[in-house]
Amino acid sequence: MATTSEIDVGMDAIAQRIYDQRQVMLKVKQNATGASAALAAITTDFAAVISAVQAFGTSDVYEAATKAQFAKLTTEYNALKSVADAVAGANIG
């Protein structure tokens, strides 16, 4: 059985660990907010490229391949943006 002083020291250590990990999670949330903003800016920053690729047809090999790659990037973007938004919106309290 632990003594009163051992319990007090242990309780302080538990509180410190919880505090430290809350700070880690607050940084994660901050980073996720930045990631979400950077991802959201893709549509503006690369509007000309996106527009050109969306106008591509499928009869030309290059255009078809580029359009297929863009579709895969769009899927990846949507999944990552969803996670970034969820983490950025997490209630760390």
C-alpha atoms as a PDB file:
ATOM      1  CA  MET A   1       0.000   0.000   0.000  1.00  0.00           C
ATOM      2  CA  ALA A   2       1.217   3.452  -0.850  1.00  0.00           C
ATOM      3  CA  THR A   3       1.794   6.140   1.740  1.00  0.00           C
ATOM      4  CA  THR A   4      -0.001   9.473   1.671  1.00  0.00           C
ATOM      5  CA  SER A   5       3.066  11.214   0.286  1.00  0.00           C
ATOM      6  CA  GLU A   6       3.514   8.538  -2.397  1.00  0.00           C
ATOM      7  CA  ILE A   7      -0.117   8.941  -3.407  1.00  0.00           C
ATOM      8  CA  ASP A   8       0.259  12.744  -3.535  1.00  0.00           C
ATOM      9  CA  VAL A   9       3.384  12.470  -5.698  1.00  0.00           C
ATOM     10  CA  GLY A  10       1.663   9.899  -7.903  1.00  0.00           C
ATOM     11  CA  MET A  11      -1.422  12.093  -8.300  1.00  0.00           C
ATOM     12  CA  ASP A  12       0.809  15.019  -9.299  1.00  0.00           C
ATOM     13  CA  ALA A  13       2.558  12.791 -11.857  1.00  0.00           C
ATOM     14  CA  ILE A  14      -0.790  11.685 -13.294  1.00  0.00           C
ATOM     15  CA  ALA A  15      -1.949  15.308 -13.568  1.00  0.00           C
ATOM     16  CA  GLN A  16       1.332  16.303 -15.228  1.00  0.00           C
ATOM     17  CA  ARG A  17       1.074  13.526 -17.798  1.00  0.00           C
ATOM     18  CA  ILE A  18      -2.508  14.450 -18.622  1.00  0.00           C
ATOM     19  CA  TYR A  19      -1.511  18.106 -18.934  1.00  0.00           C
ATOM     20  CA  ASP A  20       1.469  17.278 -21.177  1.00  0.00           C
ATOM     21  CA  GLN A  21      -0.632  15.135 -23.497  1.00  0.00           C
ATOM     22  CA  ARG A  22      -3.376  17.765 -23.667  1.00  0.00           C
ATOM     23  CA  GLN A  23      -0.723  20.199 -24.903  1.00  0.00           C
ATOM     24  CA  VAL A  24       0.292  17.641 -27.544  1.00  0.00           C
ATOM     25  CA  MET A  25      -3.328  17.305 -28.665  1.00  0.00           C
ATOM     26  CA  LEU A  26      -3.791  21.078 -28.790  1.00  0.00           C
ATOM     27  CA  LYS A  27      -0.779  21.231 -31.128  1.00  0.00           C
ATOM     28  CA  VAL A  28      -2.294  18.434 -33.228  1.00  0.00           C
ATOM     29  CA  LYS A  29      -5.515  20.426 -33.469  1.00  0.00           C
ATOM     30  CA  GLN A  30      -3.584  23.564 -34.452  1.00  0.00           C
ATOM     31  CA  ASN A  31      -1.674  21.633 -37.113  1.00  0.00           C
ATOM     32  CA  ALA A  32      -4.908  20.106 -38.427  1.00  0.00           C
ATOM     33  CA  THR A  33      -6.412  23.576 -38.753  1.00  0.00           C
ATOM     34  CA  GLY A  34      -3.422  24.637 -40.837  1.00  0.00           C
ATOM     35  CA  ALA A  35      -3.624  21.477 -42.945  1.00  0.00           C
ATOM     36  CA  SER A  36      -7.314  22.040 -43.585  1.00  0.00           C
ATOM     37  CA  ALA A  37      -6.666  25.607 -44.719  1.00  0.00           C
ATOM     38  CA  ALA A  38      -3.780  24.545 -46.987  1.00  0.00           C
ATOM     39  CA  LEU A  39      -5.924  21.839 -48.554  1.00  0.00           C
ATOM     40  CA  ALA A  40      -8.854  24.215 -49.033  1.00  0.00           C
ATOM     41  CA  ALA A  41      -6.558  26.640 -50.864  1.00  0.00           C
ATOM     42  CA  ILE A  42      -5.801  24.073 -53.571  1.00  0.00           C
ATOM     43  CA  THR A  43      -8.956  24.960 -55.496  1.00  0.00           C
ATOM     44  CA  THR A  44      -7.942  28.625 -55.622  1.00  0.00           C
ATOM     45  CA  ASP A  45      -4.187  28.216 -55.974  1.00  0.00           C
ATOM     46  CA  PHE A  46      -4.512  25.718 -58.811  1.00  0.00           C
ATOM     47  CA  ALA A  47      -7.794  26.880 -60.363  1.00  0.00           C
ATOM     48  CA  ALA A  48      -6.345  27.130 -63.869  1.00  0.00           C
ATOM     49  CA  VAL A  49      -4.853  23.634 -63.762  1.00  0.00           C
ATOM     50  CA  ILE A  50      -8.042  22.137 -62.318  1.00  0.00           C
ATOM     51  CA  SER A  51     -10.177  23.842 -64.923  1.00  0.00           C
ATOM     52  CA  ALA A  52      -7.948  22.629 -67.747  1.00  0.00           C
ATOM     53  CA  VAL A  53      -7.957  19.038 -66.514  1.00  0.00           C
ATOM     54  CA  GLN A  54     -11.727  19.072 -66.029  1.00  0.00           C
ATOM     55  CA  ALA A  55     -12.095  20.191 -69.664  1.00  0.00           C
ATOM     56  CA  PHE A  56      -9.969  17.274 -70.906  1.00  0.00           C
ATOM     57  CA  GLY A  57     -11.615  14.561 -72.912  1.00  0.00           C
ATOM     58  CA  THR A  58     -10.862  10.842 -72.827  1.00  0.00           C
ATOM     59  CA  SER A  59      -9.889  10.132 -76.437  1.00  0.00           C
ATOM     60  CA  ASP A  60      -6.365  11.529 -76.069  1.00  0.00           C
ATOM     61  CA  VAL A  61      -4.115   9.202 -74.035  1.00  0.00           C
ATOM     62  CA  TYR A  62      -2.415  12.016 -72.106  1.00  0.00           C
ATOM     63  CA  GLU A  63      -5.689  13.759 -71.299  1.00  0.00           C
ATOM     64  CA  ALA A  64      -7.360  10.509 -70.230  1.00  0.00           C
ATOM     65  CA  ALA A  65      -4.437   9.561 -67.987  1.00  0.00           C
ATOM     66  CA  THR A  66      -4.264  13.024 -66.480  1.00  0.00           C
ATOM     67  CA  LYS A  67      -8.005  13.061 -65.886  1.00  0.00           C
ATOM     68  CA  ALA A  68      -7.794   9.634 -64.184  1.00  0.00           C
ATOM     69  CA  GLN A  69      -4.927  10.817 -61.991  1.00  0.00           C
ATOM     70  CA  PHE A  70      -6.898  13.927 -61.069  1.00  0.00           C
ATOM     71  CA  ALA A  71      -9.858  11.737 -60.056  1.00  0.00           C
ATOM     72  CA  LYS A  72      -7.577   9.749 -57.741  1.00  0.00           C
ATOM     73  CA  LEU A  73      -6.117  12.946 -56.272  1.00  0.00           C
ATOM     74  CA  THR A  74      -9.647  14.250 -55.705  1.00  0.00           C
ATOM     75  CA  THR A  75     -10.550  11.100 -53.758  1.00  0.00           C
ATOM     76  CA  GLU A  76      -7.384  11.383 -51.681  1.00  0.00           C
ATOM     77  CA  TYR A  77      -8.000  15.092 -51.107  1.00  0.00           C
ATOM     78  CA  ASN A  78     -11.576  14.531 -49.926  1.00  0.00           C
ATOM     79  CA  ALA A  79     -10.522  11.840 -47.448  1.00  0.00           C
ATOM     80  CA  LEU A  80      -7.636  13.883 -46.043  1.00  0.00           C
ATOM     81  CA  LYS A  81      -9.674  17.097 -45.844  1.00  0.00           C
ATOM     82  CA  SER A  82     -12.379  15.238 -43.944  1.00  0.00           C
ATOM     83  CA  VAL A  83      -9.869  13.979 -41.371  1.00  0.00           C
ATOM     84  CA  ALA A  84      -8.176  17.376 -41.044  1.00  0.00           C
ATOM     85  CA  ASP A  85     -11.550  19.056 -40.509  1.00  0.00           C
ATOM     86  CA  ALA A  86     -12.572  16.476 -37.908  1.00  0.00           C
ATOM     87  CA  VAL A  87      -9.333  16.855 -35.953  1.00  0.00           C
ATOM     88  CA  ALA A  88      -9.435  20.654 -36.247  1.00  0.00           C
ATOM     89  CA  GLY A  89     -12.977  20.608 -34.858  1.00  0.00           C
ATOM     90  CA  ALA A  90     -12.221  18.224 -32.000  1.00  0.00           C
ATOM     91  CA  ASN A  91     -13.101  19.484 -28.541  1.00  0.00           C
ATOM     92  CA  ILE A  92      -9.856  19.152 -26.604  1.00  0.00           C
ATOM     93  CA  GLY A  93     -11.303  21.110 -23.663  1.00  0.00           C
END
